[in-house]
Amino acid sequence: MPIRIIRLRGIGLATAIAVIALGLAACGDTTKTVTADDWVDSICSAAASYQRVSDAQGEKFAAIDFKDGQAAKKAISTALEEVNKASVTLRSDFDKAGKPDLKSGDDVVKAFKDQSKVNDARSAELKKKIEAINPKGDVAAQFQKIAADTPDIKFKPKIEAIASKQADAQEVIDGIDANPDCADLFFSDDAASTSKPASKPTTSAPPKTVNEKWVAGICTAFSGWVKDIDDANTKLQASLGKFDASQDSPKDLKQKLVDFLKTGQAETKNLKKEVDALKAPDVKDGAAAQKVFTQAGADLVRIFDSAVTDAEKINATTFQSVADDISGFEAKISSSFDAVSSAFDDLENHNSPELEKLFSSRSECAGLG
């Protein structure tokens, strides 16, 4: 039964927690100042680490067998997820680099950070486009269209604009240009980005039978939940991008996390209600299959209830105290999601060819593959 491949750790919650944790140290510390050469060396070293991950995923992408649409779509999503994880590490390494000892130093660093926010937004949009790929159609053609619709990123002109007003910023440009691999990442005109909506998968006919209604209901509930959590995560990241440690307090940061988790808590309770309201499919072990999902809904509610409780107990006296208390969040939530995710494997014991066919063909299920 294909629905077993739902992997909850991919919804962005653990990543959201990780991004907060990565930024906490910078909130409490004064940015160190280094020579322009050292600063360029640091960010180029970070770029090289990121590029190794990107190249490795590119090789895996080149080996994808597009004859199996479901597997191809999953492979594309996995590659993107790995690159996005590398992006989080890249931003962390960038923050650790400090700022160049130039009059334009603050402006240069701000330009890089602002571009990171743009890249994050485009990555989130790209993820949505890939989720919209119809695995029953020509996956290669759909992905090629996404690539063709991807506009170029023009970042170098932003740094050149700074240099036109503060000449010393040219040192940063020259330093990056002197490293072809580094320049390829930061100044390349063909870096991935997105802005146009992706083509939508073919819509299935309205469900009529009990089994069609069950499959459509399960997929609609879970795909809607994934989207709601991802949307909340995108909103959180945008809010964190505007966070200013010189004006905002540790309590403000704590509240952003609590609000995010409460949104997830509410959406997860809605998911449970939707799943609980479904009539079990009319197949052998249909009731057992329905129970797998009702149990998953209950488990997810418990995860968010626990997360909200933990978040509300965070010591927000200082940024460091927030960092100390949040340190275990990512691992705890990832572990909990993995446990719920693996529970779907029990569906293998209640296999039904009819349900399997519906999960593979219903458009409501396309984004869960």
Protein backbone atom coordinates (compact mmCIF):
# COMPACT_ATOMS: atom_id res chain seq x y z
CA MET A 1 0.00 0.00 0.00
CA PRO A 2 1.91 3.09 -1.24
CA ILE A 3 0.70 5.39 1.54
CA ARG A 4 3.27 3.73 3.79
CA ILE A 5 5.94 5.96 2.23
CA ILE A 6 4.64 9.03 4.10
CA ARG A 7 7.70 10.30 5.94
CA LEU A 8 6.73 12.82 8.59
CA ARG A 9 10.24 14.08 9.19
CA GLY A 10 10.05 15.81 5.80
CA ILE A 11 7.39 18.33 6.79
CA GLY A 12 9.87 20.93 8.04
CA LEU A 13 9.13 20.96 11.77
CA ALA A 14 12.49 19.57 12.87
CA THR A 15 14.21 21.86 10.37
CA ALA A 16 12.38 24.84 11.83
CA ILE A 17 13.63 23.96 15.30
CA ALA A 18 17.15 23.46 13.95
CA VAL A 19 17.20 26.88 12.29
CA ILE A 20 16.16 28.55 15.55
CA ALA A 21 18.85 26.67 17.43
CA LEU A 22 21.52 27.57 14.90
CA GLY A 23 20.70 31.25 15.17
CA LEU A 24 20.58 31.49 18.94
CA ALA A 25 24.31 31.77 19.54
CA ALA A 26 24.53 34.73 17.18
CA CYS A 27 21.72 36.48 19.07
CA GLY A 28 23.80 36.77 22.20
CA ASP A 29 27.24 37.42 20.74
CA THR A 30 28.86 40.40 19.07
CA THR A 31 29.78 39.59 15.48
CA LYS A 32 33.54 39.18 15.23
CA THR A 33 35.51 41.25 12.73
CA VAL A 34 38.17 39.63 10.53
CA THR A 35 40.23 40.68 7.55
CA ALA A 36 38.48 40.64 4.20
CA ASP A 37 40.75 37.83 3.00
CA ASP A 38 39.99 35.67 6.03
CA TRP A 39 36.28 36.34 5.70
CA VAL A 40 36.29 35.33 2.04
CA ASP A 41 38.32 32.22 2.86
CA SER A 42 35.78 31.25 5.54
CA ILE A 43 32.68 31.63 3.38
CA CYS A 44 34.37 29.94 0.43
CA SER A 45 35.33 27.01 2.66
CA ALA A 46 31.68 26.77 3.75
CA ALA A 47 30.65 27.00 0.10
CA ALA A 48 32.94 24.09 -0.77
CA SER A 49 31.29 21.90 1.88
CA TYR A 50 27.86 22.82 0.57
CA GLN A 51 28.94 22.18 -3.01
CA ARG A 52 30.14 18.68 -2.17
CA VAL A 53 26.67 17.81 -0.93
CA SER A 54 25.05 19.48 -3.94
CA ASP A 55 27.33 17.64 -6.38
CA ALA A 56 26.66 14.30 -4.68
CA GLN A 57 22.93 14.83 -4.96
CA GLY A 58 23.39 15.89 -8.58
CA GLU A 59 25.06 12.57 -9.32
CA LYS A 60 22.18 10.71 -7.70
CA PHE A 61 19.73 12.78 -9.72
CA ALA A 62 21.53 11.85 -12.94
CA ALA A 63 21.07 8.18 -12.07
CA ILE A 64 17.30 8.41 -11.53
CA ASP A 65 15.22 5.93 -13.53
CA PHE A 66 12.26 8.02 -14.66
CA LYS A 67 10.37 4.94 -15.83
CA ASP A 68 9.13 4.52 -12.26
CA GLY A 69 7.35 7.84 -11.70
CA GLN A 70 6.69 7.35 -8.00
CA ALA A 71 10.31 6.41 -7.26
CA ALA A 72 11.63 9.21 -9.47
CA LYS A 73 9.54 11.82 -7.69
CA LYS A 74 10.68 10.52 -4.30
CA ALA A 75 14.33 10.61 -5.44
CA ILE A 76 13.98 14.24 -6.56
CA SER A 77 12.36 15.20 -3.24
CA THR A 78 15.08 13.42 -1.27
CA ALA A 79 17.83 15.17 -3.20
CA LEU A 80 16.23 18.55 -2.56
CA GLU A 81 15.84 17.76 1.15
CA GLU A 82 19.55 16.90 1.44
CA VAL A 83 20.58 20.09 -0.34
CA ASN A 84 18.29 22.14 1.91
CA LYS A 85 19.93 20.58 4.99
CA ALA A 86 23.29 21.60 3.57
CA SER A 87 21.92 25.13 3.15
CA VAL A 88 21.13 25.29 6.87
CA THR A 89 24.73 24.30 7.63
CA LEU A 90 26.01 26.85 5.12
CA ARG A 91 24.10 29.65 6.86
CA SER A 92 25.44 28.53 10.22
CA ASP A 93 29.01 28.54 8.88
CA PHE A 94 28.41 31.93 7.33
CA ASP A 95 27.32 33.39 10.67
CA LYS A 96 30.45 31.99 12.31
CA ALA A 97 32.63 33.78 9.73
CA GLY A 98 31.84 37.15 11.32
CA LYS A 99 32.19 40.19 9.06
CA PRO A 100 35.00 41.63 6.92
CA ASP A 101 37.03 44.49 8.41
CA LEU A 102 35.77 46.95 5.83
CA LYS A 103 33.67 50.09 5.99
CA SER A 104 31.22 48.21 3.81
CA GLY A 105 31.43 45.10 6.02
CA ASP A 106 27.98 45.37 7.57
CA ASP A 107 26.35 46.05 4.20
CA VAL A 108 28.15 43.12 2.56
CA VAL A 109 27.08 40.71 5.28
CA LYS A 110 23.51 42.01 5.14
CA ALA A 111 23.42 41.49 1.37
CA PHE A 112 24.49 37.86 1.77
CA LYS A 113 21.95 37.24 4.53
CA ASP A 114 19.16 38.89 2.56
CA GLN A 115 20.00 36.69 -0.42
CA SER A 116 19.84 33.62 1.83
CA LYS A 117 16.27 34.55 2.75
CA VAL A 118 15.39 34.85 -0.94
CA ASN A 119 16.98 31.47 -1.60
CA ASP A 120 15.03 29.89 1.27
CA ALA A 121 11.74 31.23 -0.08
CA ARG A 122 12.55 29.89 -3.55
CA SER A 123 13.53 26.52 -2.12
CA ALA A 124 10.18 26.33 -0.32
CA GLU A 125 8.41 27.14 -3.58
CA LEU A 126 10.47 24.53 -5.43
CA LYS A 127 9.47 21.94 -2.83
CA LYS A 128 5.81 22.73 -3.45
CA LYS A 129 6.28 22.38 -7.20
CA ILE A 130 7.94 19.01 -6.82
CA GLU A 131 5.16 17.87 -4.50
CA ALA A 132 2.70 18.80 -7.25
CA ILE A 133 4.38 16.50 -9.78
CA ASN A 134 2.01 13.77 -10.92
CA PRO A 135 3.89 10.44 -10.56
CA LYS A 136 1.47 8.82 -13.01
CA GLY A 137 2.54 11.26 -15.72
CA ASP A 138 5.90 12.01 -17.36
CA VAL A 139 7.93 12.96 -14.27
CA ALA A 140 11.01 13.88 -16.32
CA ALA A 141 9.01 16.27 -18.51
CA GLN A 142 7.30 17.84 -15.51
CA PHE A 143 10.62 18.39 -13.76
CA GLN A 144 12.18 19.80 -16.94
CA LYS A 145 9.35 22.32 -17.10
CA ILE A 146 10.03 23.34 -13.51
CA ALA A 147 13.71 23.79 -14.39
CA ALA A 148 12.86 25.75 -17.54
CA ASP A 149 10.57 28.06 -15.55
CA THR A 150 13.32 28.70 -13.01
CA PRO A 151 14.65 32.26 -13.39
CA ASP A 152 18.31 33.14 -12.86
CA ILE A 153 19.54 34.52 -9.53
CA LYS A 154 21.39 37.78 -9.98
CA PHE A 155 23.30 38.27 -6.73
CA LYS A 156 26.62 39.70 -7.88
CA PRO A 157 25.03 43.00 -9.04
CA LYS A 158 23.84 43.57 -5.46
CA ILE A 159 27.41 43.39 -4.16
CA GLU A 160 28.63 45.52 -7.06
CA ALA A 161 26.02 48.12 -6.13
CA ILE A 162 27.53 48.28 -2.65
CA ALA A 163 31.01 48.59 -4.16
CA SER A 164 29.87 51.49 -6.33
CA LYS A 165 29.16 53.44 -3.13
CA GLN A 166 31.79 51.89 -0.85
CA ALA A 167 34.82 50.98 -2.93
CA ASP A 168 36.34 48.62 -0.38
CA ALA A 169 33.54 46.08 -1.03
CA GLN A 170 35.39 45.30 -4.27
CA GLU A 171 37.88 43.33 -2.15
CA VAL A 172 35.14 40.83 -1.37
CA ILE A 173 34.10 40.57 -5.02
CA ASP A 174 37.68 40.08 -6.17
CA GLY A 175 38.35 37.52 -3.45
CA ILE A 176 35.32 35.43 -4.41
CA ASP A 177 36.01 35.76 -8.14
CA ALA A 178 39.56 34.48 -7.52
CA ASN A 179 38.04 31.18 -6.35
CA PRO A 180 36.10 29.74 -9.33
CA ASP A 181 34.19 27.19 -7.26
CA CYS A 182 33.22 29.81 -4.69
CA ALA A 183 32.22 32.26 -7.41
CA ASP A 184 30.16 29.55 -9.08
CA LEU A 185 28.06 29.18 -5.94
CA PHE A 186 27.68 32.79 -4.85
CA PHE A 187 27.83 34.61 -8.19
CA SER A 188 26.56 32.05 -10.71
CA ASP A 189 23.72 33.31 -12.88
CA ASP A 190 22.04 29.92 -13.06
CA ALA A 191 21.55 29.05 -9.38
CA ALA A 192 18.24 27.36 -8.63
CA SER A 193 15.22 29.57 -7.94
CA THR A 194 11.54 29.55 -8.70
CA SER A 195 8.72 32.03 -9.11
CA LYS A 196 6.12 30.67 -11.51
CA PRO A 197 3.43 28.19 -10.47
CA ALA A 198 3.97 24.59 -11.43
CA SER A 199 1.59 22.59 -13.55
CA LYS A 200 -0.97 20.74 -11.47
CA PRO A 201 -1.44 17.00 -11.57
CA THR A 202 -4.42 15.62 -13.42
CA THR A 203 -7.50 15.67 -11.20
CA SER A 204 -9.20 12.37 -10.49
CA ALA A 205 -12.95 11.97 -10.88
CA PRO A 206 -14.91 12.60 -7.65
CA PRO A 207 -14.75 9.50 -5.40
CA LYS A 208 -17.92 7.41 -5.45
CA THR A 209 -17.26 4.04 -3.84
CA VAL A 210 -16.51 3.50 -0.16
CA ASN A 211 -12.91 2.61 -0.98
CA GLU A 212 -12.40 5.61 -3.26
CA LYS A 213 -13.78 7.91 -0.58
CA TRP A 214 -11.52 6.39 2.05
CA VAL A 215 -8.34 6.69 -0.03
CA ALA A 216 -9.21 10.23 -1.18
CA GLY A 217 -10.06 11.18 2.41
CA ILE A 218 -6.81 9.82 3.84
CA CYS A 219 -4.68 11.54 1.19
CA THR A 220 -6.57 14.83 1.39
CA ALA A 221 -6.25 14.91 5.17
CA PHE A 222 -2.54 14.16 5.25
CA SER A 223 -1.54 16.30 2.25
CA GLY A 224 -3.51 19.22 3.71
CA TRP A 225 -1.82 18.73 7.06
CA VAL A 226 1.65 18.63 5.49
CA LYS A 227 0.90 21.85 3.60
CA ASP A 228 -0.42 23.58 6.73
CA ILE A 229 2.70 22.68 8.70
CA ASP A 230 4.98 23.73 5.85
CA ASP A 231 3.12 27.03 5.50
CA ALA A 232 3.50 27.65 9.23
CA ASN A 233 7.21 26.84 8.93
CA THR A 234 7.61 29.28 6.02
CA LYS A 235 5.88 31.97 8.09
CA LEU A 236 8.16 31.22 11.03
CA GLN A 237 11.29 31.47 8.90
CA ALA A 238 10.14 34.83 7.50
CA SER A 239 9.53 36.04 11.05
CA LEU A 240 12.96 34.84 12.17
CA GLY A 241 14.51 36.64 9.22
CA LYS A 242 13.24 39.91 10.67
CA PHE A 243 14.38 39.07 14.20
CA ASP A 244 16.77 41.67 15.62
CA ALA A 245 18.56 40.65 18.82
CA SER A 246 19.33 44.29 19.56
CA GLN A 247 15.61 45.11 19.74
CA ASP A 248 13.82 41.81 20.29
CA SER A 249 14.08 39.83 23.50
CA PRO A 250 14.64 36.15 24.35
CA LYS A 251 10.94 36.05 25.31
CA ASP A 252 10.06 37.22 21.79
CA LEU A 253 12.07 34.36 20.31
CA LYS A 254 10.46 31.85 22.66
CA GLN A 255 7.01 33.13 21.72
CA LYS A 256 7.70 32.67 18.00
CA LEU A 257 8.44 29.01 18.65
CA VAL A 258 5.42 28.55 20.91
CA ASP A 259 3.10 30.18 18.34
CA PHE A 260 4.49 27.96 15.58
CA LEU A 261 4.00 24.80 17.63
CA LYS A 262 0.48 25.83 18.66
CA THR A 263 -0.39 26.24 14.99
CA GLY A 264 0.94 22.75 14.36
CA GLN A 265 -1.00 21.48 17.37
CA ALA A 266 -4.28 22.91 16.05
CA GLU A 267 -3.71 21.61 12.52
CA THR A 268 -2.83 18.15 13.85
CA LYS A 269 -6.03 17.99 15.89
CA ASN A 270 -7.93 18.86 12.68
CA LEU A 271 -6.07 16.05 10.90
CA LYS A 272 -7.13 13.57 13.59
CA LYS A 273 -10.77 14.65 13.32
CA GLU A 274 -10.76 14.24 9.55
CA VAL A 275 -9.18 10.78 9.71
CA ASP A 276 -11.39 9.58 12.59
CA ALA A 277 -14.49 10.59 10.60
CA LEU A 278 -13.65 8.30 7.66
CA LYS A 279 -15.49 5.03 7.10
CA ALA A 280 -13.11 2.07 6.92
CA PRO A 281 -12.51 0.66 3.43
CA ASP A 282 -14.57 -2.32 2.32
CA VAL A 283 -11.71 -4.79 1.94
CA LYS A 284 -10.18 -7.56 4.02
CA ASP A 285 -8.47 -5.95 7.04
CA GLY A 286 -10.09 -2.64 6.12
CA ALA A 287 -10.79 -1.82 9.76
CA ALA A 288 -7.18 -2.61 10.66
CA ALA A 289 -5.92 -0.30 7.88
CA GLN A 290 -8.15 2.51 9.16
CA LYS A 291 -6.85 1.91 12.69
CA VAL A 292 -3.26 2.49 11.51
CA PHE A 293 -4.21 6.02 10.48
CA THR A 294 -6.41 6.83 13.47
CA GLN A 295 -3.55 5.72 15.73
CA ALA A 296 -1.10 7.86 13.75
CA GLY A 297 -3.38 10.86 14.20
CA ALA A 298 -3.54 10.29 17.95
CA ASP A 299 0.25 9.89 18.15
CA LEU A 300 0.83 13.09 16.21
CA VAL A 301 -1.48 15.02 18.50
CA ARG A 302 0.52 13.75 21.49
CA ILE A 303 3.77 14.85 19.83
CA PHE A 304 2.52 18.40 19.36
CA ASP A 305 0.90 18.56 22.79
CA SER A 306 4.23 17.56 24.31
CA ALA A 307 6.17 20.00 22.11
CA VAL A 308 3.94 22.92 23.10
CA THR A 309 4.27 22.02 26.78
CA ASP A 310 8.06 21.82 26.48
CA ALA A 311 8.24 25.11 24.57
CA GLU A 312 6.15 26.96 27.14
CA LYS A 313 8.59 25.81 29.84
CA ILE A 314 11.64 27.27 28.05
CA ASN A 315 13.69 29.58 30.25
CA ALA A 316 13.68 32.85 28.34
CA THR A 317 15.82 34.84 30.77
CA THR A 318 18.63 35.10 28.19
CA PHE A 319 19.29 33.95 24.64
CA GLN A 320 21.69 31.39 26.06
CA SER A 321 19.02 29.95 28.36
CA VAL A 322 16.71 29.62 25.34
CA ALA A 323 19.52 27.89 23.45
CA ASP A 324 20.14 25.49 26.32
CA ASP A 325 16.48 24.50 26.62
CA ILE A 326 15.86 24.17 22.89
CA SER A 327 18.93 22.02 22.25
CA GLY A 328 17.04 18.75 22.61
CA PHE A 329 13.97 19.75 20.59
CA GLU A 330 15.20 18.75 17.16
CA ALA A 331 16.33 15.25 18.12
CA LYS A 332 13.23 14.58 20.22
CA ILE A 333 10.79 15.66 17.50
CA SER A 334 12.68 13.90 14.71
CA SER A 335 12.72 10.69 16.76
CA SER A 336 9.00 10.97 17.47
CA PHE A 337 8.17 11.54 13.81
CA ASP A 338 10.31 8.60 12.77
CA ALA A 339 8.43 6.36 15.20
CA VAL A 340 5.03 7.42 13.82
CA SER A 341 6.32 7.20 10.26
CA SER A 342 7.56 3.65 10.73
CA ALA A 343 4.14 2.68 12.08
CA PHE A 344 2.79 3.02 8.53
CA ASP A 345 4.87 -0.02 7.65
CA ASP A 346 2.20 -2.06 9.41
CA LEU A 347 0.03 -1.45 6.36
CA GLU A 348 2.15 -4.06 4.60
CA ASN A 349 0.33 -6.61 6.75
CA HIS A 350 -3.03 -5.41 5.44
CA ASN A 351 -2.21 -5.19 1.76
CA SER A 352 -5.06 -4.77 -0.70
CA PRO A 353 -4.48 -4.61 -4.49
CA GLU A 354 -7.55 -2.41 -4.89
CA LEU A 355 -6.43 0.11 -2.30
CA GLU A 356 -2.87 0.01 -3.64
CA LYS A 357 -4.14 0.88 -7.10
CA LEU A 358 -6.23 3.74 -5.73
CA PHE A 359 -3.33 5.16 -3.72
CA SER A 360 -1.22 5.08 -6.90
CA SER A 361 -3.84 6.68 -9.15
CA ARG A 362 -5.83 9.18 -7.08
CA SER A 363 -4.62 12.74 -7.64
CA GLU A 364 -5.21 13.53 -3.96
CA CYS A 365 -2.32 11.18 -3.15
CA ALA A 366 0.20 12.61 -5.65
CA GLY A 367 1.90 14.93 -3.15
CA LEU A 368 2.48 12.16 -0.60
CA GLY A 369 4.73 10.02 -2.77
